[in-house]
Amino acid sequence: MMLPEHKEEFVHHLAHIEKRKRPLLDEDKQQEIERALLDSYELQTPVTIVLFDEYHPITINGIVTKLDAYQQRITINDESIPVRDIIEVKS
């Protein structure tokens, strides 16, 4: 819960933050990401995933537990993530 004054200040702050643009990943980078995700899934090894966000990157650590090629999503830490939001994967 937030006080009205704090909420107003927060909204004002967000309005003045410059939004980032989604980076365009080349084919090599996309293949590198796909390979790292597949390795985490098959070998049950932990990875660090960096997700695109308009204001700041989001980092998630864990093991990929599901790959859904049809919906282009992965599941990590019981959270479903669109593959298009992934900008980097570190093993």
PDB file of N, CA and C in Angstrom:
ATOM      1  N   MET A   1       0.841  -1.175   0.000  1.00  0.00           N
ATOM      2  CA  MET A   1       0.000   0.000   0.000  1.00  0.00           C
ATOM      3  C   MET A   1       0.881   1.230   0.000  1.00  0.00           C
ATOM      4  N   MET A   2       0.439   2.246  -0.704  1.00  0.00           N
ATOM      5  CA  MET A   2       1.243   3.439  -0.884  1.00  0.00           C
ATOM      6  C   MET A   2       0.429   4.677  -0.516  1.00  0.00           C
ATOM      7  N   LEU A   3       1.059   5.606   0.150  1.00  0.00           N
ATOM      8  CA  LEU A   3       0.391   6.878   0.437  1.00  0.00           C
ATOM      9  C   LEU A   3       0.156   7.632  -0.863  1.00  0.00           C
ATOM     10  N   PRO A   4      -0.910   8.407  -0.941  1.00  0.00           N
ATOM     11  CA  PRO A   4      -1.196   9.153  -2.178  1.00  0.00           C
ATOM     12  C   PRO A   4      -0.033  10.048  -2.619  1.00  0.00           C
ATOM     13  N   GLU A   5       0.652  10.662  -1.657  1.00  0.00           N
ATOM     14  CA  GLU A   5       1.779  11.536  -2.005  1.00  0.00           C
ATOM     15  C   GLU A   5       2.915  10.728  -2.634  1.00  0.00           C
ATOM     16  N   HIS A   6       3.151   9.535  -2.089  1.00  0.00           N
ATOM     17  CA  HIS A   6       4.214   8.679  -2.612  1.00  0.00           C
ATOM     18  C   HIS A   6       3.850   8.163  -3.998  1.00  0.00           C
ATOM     19  N   LYS A   7       2.597   7.796  -4.167  1.00  0.00           N
ATOM     20  CA  LYS A   7       2.150   7.308  -5.468  1.00  0.00           C
ATOM     21  C   LYS A   7       2.296   8.395  -6.526  1.00  0.00           C
ATOM     22  N   GLU A   8       1.904   9.599  -6.188  1.00  0.00           N
ATOM     23  CA  GLU A   8       2.018  10.726  -7.118  1.00  0.00           C
ATOM     24  C   GLU A   8       3.475  10.975  -7.506  1.00  0.00           C
ATOM     25  N   GLU A   9       4.361  10.934  -6.530  1.00  0.00           N
ATOM     26  CA  GLU A   9       5.790  11.124  -6.790  1.00  0.00           C
ATOM     27  C   GLU A   9       6.344   9.990  -7.646  1.00  0.00           C
ATOM     28  N   PHE A  10       5.910   8.759  -7.374  1.00  0.00           N
ATOM     29  CA  PHE A  10       6.352   7.602  -8.135  1.00  0.00           C
ATOM     30  C   PHE A  10       5.912   7.716  -9.596  1.00  0.00           C
ATOM     31  N   VAL A  11       4.671   8.075  -9.825  1.00  0.00           N
ATOM     32  CA  VAL A  11       4.159   8.245 -11.190  1.00  0.00           C
ATOM     33  C   VAL A  11       4.921   9.361 -11.897  1.00  0.00           C
ATOM     34  N   HIS A  12       5.198  10.446 -11.201  1.00  0.00           N
ATOM     35  CA  HIS A  12       5.978  11.548 -11.780  1.00  0.00           C
ATOM     36  C   HIS A  12       7.382  11.074 -12.149  1.00  0.00           C
ATOM     37  N   HIS A  13       7.976  10.279 -11.270  1.00  0.00           N
ATOM     38  CA  HIS A  13       9.317   9.732 -11.518  1.00  0.00           C
ATOM     39  C   HIS A  13       9.323   8.847 -12.760  1.00  0.00           C
ATOM     40  N   LEU A  14       8.339   7.948 -12.878  1.00  0.00           N
ATOM     41  CA  LEU A  14       8.258   7.055 -14.034  1.00  0.00           C
ATOM     42  C   LEU A  14       8.070   7.820 -15.338  1.00  0.00           C
ATOM     43  N   ALA A  15       7.334   8.910 -15.279  1.00  0.00           N
ATOM     44  CA  ALA A  15       7.082   9.705 -16.480  1.00  0.00           C
ATOM     45  C   ALA A  15       8.355  10.361 -17.000  1.00  0.00           C
ATOM     46  N   HIS A  16       9.336  10.560 -16.126  1.00  0.00           N
ATOM     47  CA  HIS A  16      10.566  11.236 -16.527  1.00  0.00           C
ATOM     48  C   HIS A  16      11.731  10.289 -16.814  1.00  0.00           C
ATOM     49  N   ILE A  17      11.511   9.008 -16.619  1.00  0.00           N
ATOM     50  CA  ILE A  17      12.557   8.038 -16.947  1.00  0.00           C
ATOM     51  C   ILE A  17      12.467   7.748 -18.440  1.00  0.00           C
ATOM     52  N   GLU A  18      13.598   7.760 -19.085  1.00  0.00           N
ATOM     53  CA  GLU A  18      13.627   7.490 -20.520  1.00  0.00           C
ATOM     54  C   GLU A  18      13.486   5.988 -20.763  1.00  0.00           C
ATOM     55  N   LYS A  19      12.513   5.642 -21.597  1.00  0.00           N
ATOM     56  CA  LYS A  19      12.287   4.239 -21.908  1.00  0.00           C
ATOM     57  C   LYS A  19      13.370   3.748 -22.868  1.00  0.00           C
ATOM     58  N   ARG A  20      13.806   2.511 -22.642  1.00  0.00           N
ATOM     59  CA  ARG A  20      14.793   1.886 -23.519  1.00  0.00           C
ATOM     60  C   ARG A  20      14.072   1.203 -24.664  1.00  0.00           C
ATOM     61  N   LYS A  21      14.775   1.036 -25.758  1.00  0.00           N
ATOM     62  CA  LYS A  21      14.224   0.317 -26.898  1.00  0.00           C
ATOM     63  C   LYS A  21      14.725  -1.118 -26.869  1.00  0.00           C
ATOM     64  N   ARG A  22      13.863  -2.025 -27.339  1.00  0.00           N
ATOM     65  CA  ARG A  22      14.223  -3.438 -27.389  1.00  0.00           C
ATOM     66  C   ARG A  22      15.413  -3.617 -28.344  1.00  0.00           C
ATOM     67  N   PRO A  23      16.484  -4.261 -27.897  1.00  0.00           N
ATOM     68  CA  PRO A  23      17.631  -4.481 -28.786  1.00  0.00           C
ATOM     69  C   PRO A  23      17.295  -5.522 -29.852  1.00  0.00           C
ATOM     70  N   LEU A  24      17.852  -5.342 -31.022  1.00  0.00           N
ATOM     71  CA  LEU A  24      17.698  -6.320 -32.097  1.00  0.00           C
ATOM     72  C   LEU A  24      18.863  -7.305 -31.995  1.00  0.00           C
ATOM     73  N   LEU A  25      18.539  -8.560 -31.826  1.00  0.00           N
ATOM     74  CA  LEU A  25      19.571  -9.583 -31.688  1.00  0.00           C
ATOM     75  C   LEU A  25      19.860 -10.193 -33.047  1.00  0.00           C
ATOM     76  N   ASP A  26      21.145 -10.322 -33.366  1.00  0.00           N
ATOM     77  CA  ASP A  26      21.489 -10.960 -34.639  1.00  0.00           C
ATOM     78  C   ASP A  26      21.274 -12.471 -34.524  1.00  0.00           C
ATOM     79  N   GLU A  27      21.348 -13.149 -35.647  1.00  0.00           N
ATOM     80  CA  GLU A  27      21.052 -14.582 -35.693  1.00  0.00           C
ATOM     81  C   GLU A  27      21.998 -15.385 -34.803  1.00  0.00           C
ATOM     82  N   ASP A  28      23.283 -15.008 -34.771  1.00  0.00           N
ATOM     83  CA  ASP A  28      24.253 -15.725 -33.933  1.00  0.00           C
ATOM     84  C   ASP A  28      23.889 -15.611 -32.449  1.00  0.00           C
ATOM     85  N   LYS A  29      23.502 -14.424 -32.024  1.00  0.00           N
ATOM     86  CA  LYS A  29      23.133 -14.208 -30.621  1.00  0.00           C
ATOM     87  C   LYS A  29      21.867 -14.999 -30.287  1.00  0.00           C
ATOM     88  N   GLN A  30      20.892 -15.034 -31.187  1.00  0.00           N
ATOM     89  CA  GLN A  30      19.674 -15.796 -30.965  1.00  0.00           C
ATOM     90  C   GLN A  30      19.982 -17.288 -30.829  1.00  0.00           C
ATOM     91  N   GLN A  31      20.876 -17.795 -31.678  1.00  0.00           N
ATOM     92  CA  GLN A  31      21.250 -19.212 -31.600  1.00  0.00           C
ATOM     93  C   GLN A  31      21.992 -19.510 -30.300  1.00  0.00           C
ATOM     94  N   GLU A  32      22.842 -18.589 -29.871  1.00  0.00           N
ATOM     95  CA  GLU A  32      23.576 -18.753 -28.614  1.00  0.00           C
ATOM     96  C   GLU A  32      22.596 -18.828 -27.437  1.00  0.00           C
ATOM     97  N   ILE A  33      21.585 -17.974 -27.443  1.00  0.00           N
ATOM     98  CA  ILE A  33      20.564 -17.977 -26.390  1.00  0.00           C
ATOM     99  C   ILE A  33      19.790 -19.290 -26.408  1.00  0.00           C
ATOM    100  N   GLU A  34      19.352 -19.712 -27.595  1.00  0.00           N
ATOM    101  CA  GLU A  34      18.597 -20.960 -27.724  1.00  0.00           C
ATOM    102  C   GLU A  34      19.413 -22.155 -27.237  1.00  0.00           C
ATOM    103  N   ARG A  35      20.695 -22.183 -27.583  1.00  0.00           N
ATOM    104  CA  ARG A  35      21.564 -23.296 -27.168  1.00  0.00           C
ATOM    105  C   ARG A  35      21.716 -23.324 -25.648  1.00  0.00           C
ATOM    106  N   ALA A  36      21.928 -22.162 -25.036  1.00  0.00           N
ATOM    107  CA  ALA A  36      22.093 -22.096 -23.580  1.00  0.00           C
ATOM    108  C   ALA A  36      20.812 -22.518 -22.861  1.00  0.00           C
ATOM    109  N   LEU A  37      19.652 -22.134 -23.393  1.00  0.00           N
ATOM    110  CA  LEU A  37      18.377 -22.533 -22.799  1.00  0.00           C
ATOM    111  C   LEU A  37      18.172 -24.042 -22.918  1.00  0.00           C
ATOM    112  N   LEU A  38      18.489 -24.586 -24.082  1.00  0.00           N
ATOM    113  CA  LEU A  38      18.351 -26.024 -24.306  1.00  0.00           C
ATOM    114  C   LEU A  38      19.298 -26.814 -23.397  1.00  0.00           C
ATOM    115  N   ASP A  39      20.528 -26.335 -23.257  1.00  0.00           N
ATOM    116  CA  ASP A  39      21.493 -26.993 -22.365  1.00  0.00           C
ATOM    117  C   ASP A  39      20.982 -26.994 -20.923  1.00  0.00           C
ATOM    118  N   SER A  40      20.440 -25.867 -20.471  1.00  0.00           N
ATOM    119  CA  SER A  40      19.917 -25.784 -19.113  1.00  0.00           C
ATOM    120  C   SER A  40      18.778 -26.777 -18.926  1.00  0.00           C
ATOM    121  N   TYR A  41      17.923 -26.895 -19.932  1.00  0.00           N
ATOM    122  CA  TYR A  41      16.789 -27.811 -19.859  1.00  0.00           C
ATOM    123  C   TYR A  41      17.245 -29.272 -19.852  1.00  0.00           C
ATOM    124  N   GLU A  42      18.101 -29.626 -20.791  1.00  0.00           N
ATOM    125  CA  GLU A  42      18.526 -31.018 -20.935  1.00  0.00           C
ATOM    126  C   GLU A  42      19.461 -31.471 -19.820  1.00  0.00           C
ATOM    127  N   LEU A  43      20.393 -30.621 -19.435  1.00  0.00           N
ATOM    128  CA  LEU A  43      21.404 -30.989 -18.444  1.00  0.00           C
ATOM    129  C   LEU A  43      21.047 -30.566 -17.026  1.00  0.00           C
ATOM    130  N   GLN A  44      19.927 -29.839 -16.890  1.00  0.00           N
ATOM    131  CA  GLN A  44      19.483 -29.331 -15.588  1.00  0.00           C
ATOM    132  C   GLN A  44      20.562 -28.490 -14.917  1.00  0.00           C
ATOM    133  N   THR A  45      21.187 -27.628 -15.715  1.00  0.00           N
ATOM    134  CA  THR A  45      22.208 -26.724 -15.193  1.00  0.00           C
ATOM    135  C   THR A  45      21.619 -25.328 -15.017  1.00  0.00           C
ATOM    136  N   PRO A  46      22.040 -24.622 -13.970  1.00  0.00           N
ATOM    137  CA  PRO A  46      21.502 -23.279 -13.742  1.00  0.00           C
ATOM    138  C   PRO A  46      22.033 -22.274 -14.767  1.00  0.00           C
ATOM    139  N   VAL A  47      21.188 -21.299 -15.098  1.00  0.00           N
ATOM    140  CA  VAL A  47      21.558 -20.214 -15.995  1.00  0.00           C
ATOM    141  C   VAL A  47      21.084 -18.894 -15.395  1.00  0.00           C
ATOM    142  N   THR A  48      21.669 -17.821 -15.886  1.00  0.00           N
ATOM    143  CA  THR A  48      21.219 -16.476 -15.557  1.00  0.00           C
ATOM    144  C   THR A  48      20.638 -15.888 -16.827  1.00  0.00           C
ATOM    145  N   ILE A  49      19.382 -15.508 -16.763  1.00  0.00           N
ATOM    146  CA  ILE A  49      18.689 -14.964 -17.928  1.00  0.00           C
ATOM    147  C   ILE A  49      18.470 -13.476 -17.709  1.00  0.00           C
ATOM    148  N   VAL A  50      18.798 -12.674 -18.713  1.00  0.00           N
ATOM    149  CA  VAL A  50      18.567 -11.237 -18.664  1.00  0.00           C
ATOM    150  C   VAL A  50      17.401 -10.937 -19.605  1.00  0.00           C
ATOM    151  N   LEU A  51      16.366 -10.306 -19.035  1.00  0.00           N
ATOM    152  CA  LEU A  51      15.162  -9.992 -19.799  1.00  0.00           C
ATOM    153  C   LEU A  51      15.103  -8.506 -20.119  1.00  0.00           C
ATOM    154  N   PHE A  52      14.547  -8.203 -21.278  1.00  0.00           N
ATOM    155  CA  PHE A  52      14.345  -6.816 -21.659  1.00  0.00           C
ATOM    156  C   PHE A  52      13.214  -6.216 -20.835  1.00  0.00           C
ATOM    157  N   ASP A  53      13.402  -4.992 -20.397  1.00  0.00           N
ATOM    158  CA  ASP A  53      12.369  -4.185 -19.755  1.00  0.00           C
ATOM    159  C   ASP A  53      12.581  -2.755 -20.217  1.00  0.00           C
ATOM    160  N   GLU A  54      11.520  -2.005 -20.339  1.00  0.00           N
ATOM    161  CA  GLU A  54      11.634  -0.640 -20.855  1.00  0.00           C
ATOM    162  C   GLU A  54      12.477   0.259 -19.972  1.00  0.00           C
ATOM    163  N   TYR A  55      12.566  -0.053 -18.683  1.00  0.00           N
ATOM    164  CA  TYR A  55      13.270   0.831 -17.757  1.00  0.00           C
ATOM    165  C   TYR A  55      14.617   0.293 -17.288  1.00  0.00           C
ATOM    166  N   HIS A  56      14.724  -1.003 -17.054  1.00  0.00           N
ATOM    167  CA  HIS A  56      15.993  -1.597 -16.635  1.00  0.00           C
ATOM    168  C   HIS A  56      15.937  -3.094 -16.887  1.00  0.00           C
ATOM    169  N   PRO A  57      17.071  -3.730 -17.143  1.00  0.00           N
ATOM    170  CA  PRO A  57      17.072  -5.173 -17.388  1.00  0.00           C
ATOM    171  C   PRO A  57      16.651  -5.941 -16.133  1.00  0.00           C
ATOM    172  N   ILE A  58      15.999  -7.090 -16.350  1.00  0.00           N
ATOM    173  CA  ILE A  58      15.567  -7.954 -15.256  1.00  0.00           C
ATOM    174  C   ILE A  58      16.392  -9.239 -15.337  1.00  0.00           C
ATOM    175  N   THR A  59      16.944  -9.658 -14.220  1.00  0.00           N
ATOM    176  CA  THR A  59      17.776 -10.853 -14.176  1.00  0.00           C
ATOM    177  C   THR A  59      17.074 -11.954 -13.389  1.00  0.00           C
ATOM    178  N   ILE A  60      17.068 -13.157 -13.966  1.00  0.00           N
ATOM    179  CA  ILE A  60      16.477 -14.320 -13.307  1.00  0.00           C
ATOM    180  C   ILE A  60      17.502 -15.447 -13.317  1.00  0.00           C
ATOM    181  N   ASN A  61      17.686 -16.078 -12.174  1.00  0.00           N
ATOM    182  CA  ASN A  61      18.590 -17.221 -12.048  1.00  0.00           C
ATOM    183  C   ASN A  61      17.766 -18.478 -11.812  1.00  0.00           C
ATOM    184  N   GLY A  62      18.168 -19.591 -12.442  1.00  0.00           N
ATOM    185  CA  GLY A  62      17.472 -20.839 -12.211  1.00  0.00           C
ATOM    186  C   GLY A  62      17.749 -21.856 -13.299  1.00  0.00           C
ATOM    187  N   ILE A  63      16.934 -22.912 -13.306  1.00  0.00           N
ATOM    188  CA  ILE A  63      17.054 -23.985 -14.288  1.00  0.00           C
ATOM    189  C   ILE A  63      15.804 -23.986 -15.147  1.00  0.00           C
ATOM    190  N   VAL A  64      15.988 -24.056 -16.453  1.00  0.00           N
ATOM    191  CA  VAL A  64      14.853 -24.113 -17.372  1.00  0.00           C
ATOM    192  C   VAL A  64      14.156 -25.457 -17.177  1.00  0.00           C
ATOM    193  N   THR A  65      12.855 -25.409 -16.857  1.00  0.00           N
ATOM    194  CA  THR A  65      12.098 -26.636 -16.598  1.00  0.00           C
ATOM    195  C   THR A  65      11.132 -26.975 -17.721  1.00  0.00           C
ATOM    196  N   LYS A  66      10.898 -26.031 -18.628  1.00  0.00           N
ATOM    197  CA  LYS A  66       9.991 -26.299 -19.739  1.00  0.00           C
ATOM    198  C   LYS A  66      10.353 -25.405 -20.920  1.00  0.00           C
ATOM    199  N   LEU A  67      10.336 -26.001 -22.121  1.00  0.00           N
ATOM    200  CA  LEU A  67      10.534 -25.263 -23.374  1.00  0.00           C
ATOM    201  C   LEU A  67       9.273 -25.467 -24.207  1.00  0.00           C
ATOM    202  N   ASP A  68       8.628 -24.388 -24.609  1.00  0.00           N
ATOM    203  CA  ASP A  68       7.415 -24.473 -25.415  1.00  0.00           C
ATOM    204  C   ASP A  68       7.680 -23.779 -26.745  1.00  0.00           C
ATOM    205  N   ALA A  69       8.057 -24.569 -27.751  1.00  0.00           N
ATOM    206  CA  ALA A  69       8.395 -24.017 -29.064  1.00  0.00           C
ATOM    207  C   ALA A  69       7.179 -23.423 -29.759  1.00  0.00           C
ATOM    208  N   TYR A  70       6.012 -24.001 -29.526  1.00  0.00           N
ATOM    209  CA  TYR A  70       4.788 -23.523 -30.175  1.00  0.00           C
ATOM    210  C   TYR A  70       4.420 -22.118 -29.703  1.00  0.00           C
ATOM    211  N   GLN A  71       4.453 -21.903 -28.395  1.00  0.00           N
ATOM    212  CA  GLN A  71       4.115 -20.591 -27.843  1.00  0.00           C
ATOM    213  C   GLN A  71       5.333 -19.681 -27.675  1.00  0.00           C
ATOM    214  N   GLN A  72       6.515 -20.203 -28.000  1.00  0.00           N
ATOM    215  CA  GLN A  72       7.760 -19.436 -27.861  1.00  0.00           C
ATOM    216  C   GLN A  72       7.939 -18.915 -26.434  1.00  0.00           C
ATOM    217  N   ARG A  73       7.822 -19.838 -25.455  1.00  0.00           N
ATOM    218  CA  ARG A  73       7.973 -19.483 -24.048  1.00  0.00           C
ATOM    219  C   ARG A  73       8.847 -20.537 -23.359  1.00  0.00           C
ATOM    220  N   ILE A  74       9.492 -20.116 -22.283  1.00  0.00           N
ATOM    221  CA  ILE A  74      10.215 -21.048 -21.420  1.00  0.00           C
ATOM    222  C   ILE A  74       9.656 -20.909 -20.011  1.00  0.00           C
ATOM    223  N   THR A  75       9.892 -21.926 -19.199  1.00  0.00           N
ATOM    224  CA  THR A  75       9.516 -21.839 -17.790  1.00  0.00           C
ATOM    225  C   THR A  75      10.779 -21.995 -16.960  1.00  0.00           C
ATOM    226  N   ILE A  76      10.976 -21.054 -16.051  1.00  0.00           N
ATOM    227  CA  ILE A  76      12.106 -21.076 -15.128  1.00  0.00           C
ATOM    228  C   ILE A  76      11.585 -20.573 -13.781  1.00  0.00           C
ATOM    229  N   ASN A  77      11.897 -21.286 -12.714  1.00  0.00           N
ATOM    230  CA  ASN A  77      11.407 -20.933 -11.369  1.00  0.00           C
ATOM    231  C   ASN A  77       9.886 -20.798 -11.350  1.00  0.00           C
ATOM    232  N   ASP A  78       9.200 -21.697 -12.041  1.00  0.00           N
ATOM    233  CA  ASP A  78       7.731 -21.695 -12.125  1.00  0.00           C
ATOM    234  C   ASP A  78       7.157 -20.427 -12.745  1.00  0.00           C
ATOM    235  N   GLU A  79       7.960 -19.725 -13.515  1.00  0.00           N
ATOM    236  CA  GLU A  79       7.515 -18.510 -14.191  1.00  0.00           C
ATOM    237  C   GLU A  79       7.664 -18.696 -15.697  1.00  0.00           C
ATOM    238  N   SER A  80       6.591 -18.451 -16.431  1.00  0.00           N
ATOM    239  CA  SER A  80       6.610 -18.570 -17.888  1.00  0.00           C
ATOM    240  C   SER A  80       7.069 -17.249 -18.496  1.00  0.00           C
ATOM    241  N   ILE A  81       8.072 -17.341 -19.377  1.00  0.00           N
ATOM    242  CA  ILE A  81       8.696 -16.140 -19.949  1.00  0.00           C
ATOM    243  C   ILE A  81       8.688 -16.238 -21.469  1.00  0.00           C
ATOM    244  N   PRO A  82       8.271 -15.167 -22.153  1.00  0.00           N
ATOM    245  CA  PRO A  82       8.361 -15.171 -23.619  1.00  0.00           C
ATOM    246  C   PRO A  82       9.833 -15.142 -24.062  1.00  0.00           C
ATOM    247  N   VAL A  83      10.181 -15.978 -25.006  1.00  0.00           N
ATOM    248  CA  VAL A  83      11.561 -16.047 -25.490  1.00  0.00           C
ATOM    249  C   VAL A  83      11.990 -14.704 -26.089  1.00  0.00           C
ATOM    250  N   ARG A  84      11.054 -13.981 -26.695  1.00  0.00           N
ATOM    251  CA  ARG A  84      11.397 -12.691 -27.318  1.00  0.00           C
ATOM    252  C   ARG A  84      11.889 -11.655 -26.309  1.00  0.00           C
ATOM    253  N   ASP A  85      11.575 -11.850 -25.014  1.00  0.00           N
ATOM    254  CA  ASP A  85      12.029 -10.915 -23.974  1.00  0.00           C
ATOM    255  C   ASP A  85      13.447 -11.198 -23.502  1.00  0.00           C
ATOM    256  N   ILE A  86      14.002 -12.355 -23.876  1.00  0.00           N
ATOM    257  CA  ILE A  86      15.343 -12.732 -23.413  1.00  0.00           C
ATOM    258  C   ILE A  86      16.387 -12.042 -24.298  1.00  0.00           C
ATOM    259  N   ILE A  87      17.276 -11.292 -23.657  1.00  0.00           N
ATOM    260  CA  ILE A  87      18.329 -10.606 -24.416  1.00  0.00           C
ATOM    261  C   ILE A  87      19.714 -11.187 -24.153  1.00  0.00           C
ATOM    262  N   GLU A  88      19.817 -12.017 -23.100  1.00  0.00           N
ATOM    263  CA  GLU A  88      21.124 -12.636 -22.804  1.00  0.00           C
ATOM    264  C   GLU A  88      20.919 -13.828 -21.871  1.00  0.00           C
ATOM    265  N   VAL A  89      21.734 -14.856 -22.062  1.00  0.00           N
ATOM    266  CA  VAL A  89      21.731 -16.020 -21.174  1.00  0.00           C
ATOM    267  C   VAL A  89      23.175 -16.329 -20.821  1.00  0.00           C
ATOM    268  N   LYS A  90      23.439 -16.463 -19.517  1.00  0.00           N
ATOM    269  CA  LYS A  90      24.784 -16.796 -19.045  1.00  0.00           C
ATOM    270  C   LYS A  90      24.725 -18.141 -18.336  1.00  0.00           C
ATOM    271  N   SER A  91      25.659 -19.011 -18.684  1.00  0.00           N
ATOM    272  CA  SER A  91      25.698 -20.346 -18.050  1.00  0.00           C
ATOM    273  C   SER A  91      26.438 -20.307 -16.744  1.00  0.00           C
TER     274      SER A  91
END
